[in-house]
Amino acid sequence: MENKEQEIADRLEAATTLLERTLGWLEERQGALSGEVEKISATVEQSRREAELAEKLAAAERELADLRAGSAQNVLSPLRRTLPTTTSEMLAKHGIG
């Protein structure tokens, strides 16, 4: 009976050792997989941030182009909206205006 009990104890000890090794291997593998997932999610977040910044840059460039176009219009159009006195007098003499 003692031999049978010793054999069972030896088998349980061997099984425990194998389970501990397997658990250690699984923990290492999980750590490696976790790192890969973190890298992937960081890459996705960086890509999203870059896309957001690109959109903001494009909007700022459009706004700047609009401001420049508006500024060019102001330079080309006269600031004075009234006719000089001499022009008014000339138009009155010819019956225009």
C-alpha atoms as a PDB file:
ATOM      1  CA  MET A   1       0.000   0.000   0.000  1.00  0.00           C
ATOM      2  CA  GLU A   2       2.867   2.362   0.787  1.00  0.00           C
ATOM      3  CA  ASN A   3       4.315   1.782  -2.683  1.00  0.00           C
ATOM      4  CA  LYS A   4       0.995   2.668  -4.270  1.00  0.00           C
ATOM      5  CA  GLU A   5       0.715   5.815  -2.180  1.00  0.00           C
ATOM      6  CA  GLN A   6       4.317   6.754  -3.012  1.00  0.00           C
ATOM      7  CA  GLU A   7       3.622   6.180  -6.712  1.00  0.00           C
ATOM      8  CA  ILE A   8       0.536   8.418  -6.543  1.00  0.00           C
ATOM      9  CA  ALA A   9       2.510  11.115  -4.680  1.00  0.00           C
ATOM     10  CA  ASP A  10       5.296  10.942  -7.296  1.00  0.00           C
ATOM     11  CA  ARG A  11       2.807  11.233 -10.129  1.00  0.00           C
ATOM     12  CA  LEU A  12       1.067  14.175  -8.445  1.00  0.00           C
ATOM     13  CA  GLU A  13       4.424  15.881  -7.957  1.00  0.00           C
ATOM     14  CA  ALA A  14       5.355  15.350 -11.611  1.00  0.00           C
ATOM     15  CA  ALA A  15       1.955  16.659 -12.723  1.00  0.00           C
ATOM     16  CA  THR A  16       2.368  19.693 -10.454  1.00  0.00           C
ATOM     17  CA  THR A  17       5.797  20.408 -11.951  1.00  0.00           C
ATOM     18  CA  LEU A  18       4.410  20.175 -15.486  1.00  0.00           C
ATOM     19  CA  LEU A  19       1.476  22.419 -14.595  1.00  0.00           C
ATOM     20  CA  GLU A  20       3.824  25.006 -13.066  1.00  0.00           C
ATOM     21  CA  ARG A  21       5.986  25.002 -16.211  1.00  0.00           C
ATOM     22  CA  THR A  22       2.910  25.327 -18.408  1.00  0.00           C
ATOM     23  CA  LEU A  23       1.581  28.167 -16.272  1.00  0.00           C
ATOM     24  CA  GLY A  24       4.944  29.965 -16.493  1.00  0.00           C
ATOM     25  CA  TRP A  25       4.989  29.550 -20.271  1.00  0.00           C
ATOM     26  CA  LEU A  26       1.410  30.851 -20.544  1.00  0.00           C
ATOM     27  CA  GLU A  27       2.221  33.880 -18.398  1.00  0.00           C
ATOM     28  CA  GLU A  28       5.227  34.703 -20.597  1.00  0.00           C
ATOM     29  CA  ARG A  29       3.167  34.288 -23.744  1.00  0.00           C
ATOM     30  CA  GLN A  30       0.395  36.464 -22.358  1.00  0.00           C
ATOM     31  CA  GLY A  31       2.909  39.218 -21.601  1.00  0.00           C
ATOM     32  CA  ALA A  32       4.248  39.020 -25.140  1.00  0.00           C
ATOM     33  CA  LEU A  33       0.754  39.119 -26.630  1.00  0.00           C
ATOM     34  CA  SER A  34      -0.258  42.000 -24.406  1.00  0.00           C
ATOM     35  CA  GLY A  35       2.699  44.023 -25.643  1.00  0.00           C
ATOM     36  CA  GLU A  36       1.708  43.400 -29.256  1.00  0.00           C
ATOM     37  CA  VAL A  37      -1.838  44.562 -28.588  1.00  0.00           C
ATOM     38  CA  GLU A  38      -0.579  47.732 -26.892  1.00  0.00           C
ATOM     39  CA  LYS A  39       1.654  48.487 -29.898  1.00  0.00           C
ATOM     40  CA  ILE A  40      -1.218  48.013 -32.328  1.00  0.00           C
ATOM     41  CA  SER A  41      -3.582  50.234 -30.343  1.00  0.00           C
ATOM     42  CA  ALA A  42      -0.881  52.906 -29.976  1.00  0.00           C
ATOM     43  CA  THR A  43      -0.344  52.844 -33.740  1.00  0.00           C
ATOM     44  CA  VAL A  44      -4.087  53.216 -34.370  1.00  0.00           C
ATOM     45  CA  GLU A  45      -4.297  56.129 -31.915  1.00  0.00           C
ATOM     46  CA  GLN A  46      -1.312  57.814 -33.569  1.00  0.00           C
ATOM     47  CA  SER A  47      -2.895  57.374 -37.005  1.00  0.00           C
ATOM     48  CA  ARG A  48      -6.158  58.903 -35.768  1.00  0.00           C
ATOM     49  CA  ARG A  49      -4.299  61.843 -34.235  1.00  0.00           C
ATOM     50  CA  GLU A  50      -2.358  62.395 -37.460  1.00  0.00           C
ATOM     51  CA  ALA A  51      -5.615  62.356 -39.439  1.00  0.00           C
ATOM     52  CA  GLU A  52      -7.181  64.895 -37.060  1.00  0.00           C
ATOM     53  CA  LEU A  53      -4.147  67.161 -37.357  1.00  0.00           C
ATOM     54  CA  ALA A  54      -4.178  66.853 -41.152  1.00  0.00           C
ATOM     55  CA  GLU A  55      -7.849  67.900 -41.200  1.00  0.00           C
ATOM     56  CA  LYS A  56      -7.130  70.894 -38.960  1.00  0.00           C
ATOM     57  CA  LEU A  57      -4.202  71.898 -41.155  1.00  0.00           C
ATOM     58  CA  ALA A  58      -6.336  71.679 -44.299  1.00  0.00           C
ATOM     59  CA  ALA A  59      -9.049  73.823 -42.666  1.00  0.00           C
ATOM     60  CA  ALA A  60      -6.472  76.407 -41.577  1.00  0.00           C
ATOM     61  CA  GLU A  61      -4.978  76.498 -45.079  1.00  0.00           C
ATOM     62  CA  ARG A  62      -8.454  77.024 -46.609  1.00  0.00           C
ATOM     63  CA  GLU A  63      -9.165  79.822 -44.140  1.00  0.00           C
ATOM     64  CA  LEU A  64      -5.819  81.437 -44.903  1.00  0.00           C
ATOM     65  CA  ALA A  65      -6.493  81.209 -48.652  1.00  0.00           C
ATOM     66  CA  ASP A  66      -9.933  82.799 -48.125  1.00  0.00           C
ATOM     67  CA  LEU A  67      -8.387  85.613 -46.082  1.00  0.00           C
ATOM     68  CA  ARG A  68      -5.728  86.201 -48.715  1.00  0.00           C
ATOM     69  CA  ALA A  69      -8.359  86.260 -51.472  1.00  0.00           C
ATOM     70  CA  GLY A  70     -10.449  88.721 -49.474  1.00  0.00           C
ATOM     71  CA  SER A  71      -7.400  90.886 -48.858  1.00  0.00           C
ATOM     72  CA  ALA A  72      -6.621  90.937 -52.590  1.00  0.00           C
ATOM     73  CA  GLN A  73     -10.194  92.026 -53.325  1.00  0.00           C
ATOM     74  CA  ASN A  74      -9.866  94.915 -50.874  1.00  0.00           C
ATOM     75  CA  VAL A  75      -6.608  96.053 -52.469  1.00  0.00           C
ATOM     76  CA  LEU A  76      -8.109  95.962 -55.955  1.00  0.00           C
ATOM     77  CA  SER A  77     -11.331  97.772 -55.070  1.00  0.00           C
ATOM     78  CA  PRO A  78     -11.110 101.450 -54.209  1.00  0.00           C
ATOM     79  CA  LEU A  79     -11.560 102.407 -50.608  1.00  0.00           C
ATOM     80  CA  ARG A  80     -13.408 105.602 -51.528  1.00  0.00           C
ATOM     81  CA  ARG A  81     -17.028 104.953 -52.407  1.00  0.00           C
ATOM     82  CA  THR A  82     -17.970 108.575 -53.304  1.00  0.00           C
ATOM     83  CA  LEU A  83     -17.190 110.451 -56.478  1.00  0.00           C
ATOM     84  CA  PRO A  84     -14.806 113.338 -56.371  1.00  0.00           C
ATOM     85  CA  THR A  85     -16.455 116.772 -56.663  1.00  0.00           C
ATOM     86  CA  THR A  86     -15.004 117.394 -60.105  1.00  0.00           C
ATOM     87  CA  THR A  87     -16.498 114.169 -61.428  1.00  0.00           C
ATOM     88  CA  SER A  88     -19.918 115.020 -59.981  1.00  0.00           C
ATOM     89  CA  GLU A  89     -19.776 118.473 -61.563  1.00  0.00           C
ATOM     90  CA  MET A  90     -18.765 117.023 -64.922  1.00  0.00           C
ATOM     91  CA  LEU A  91     -21.607 114.510 -64.872  1.00  0.00           C
ATOM     92  CA  ALA A  92     -24.077 117.280 -63.914  1.00  0.00           C
ATOM     93  CA  LYS A  93     -22.957 119.459 -66.825  1.00  0.00           C
ATOM     94  CA  HIS A  94     -23.626 116.646 -69.295  1.00  0.00           C
ATOM     95  CA  GLY A  95     -26.956 115.818 -67.754  1.00  0.00           C
ATOM     96  CA  ILE A  96     -25.867 112.494 -66.299  1.00  0.00           C
ATOM     97  CA  GLY A  97     -26.583 111.710 -62.668  1.00  0.00           C
END
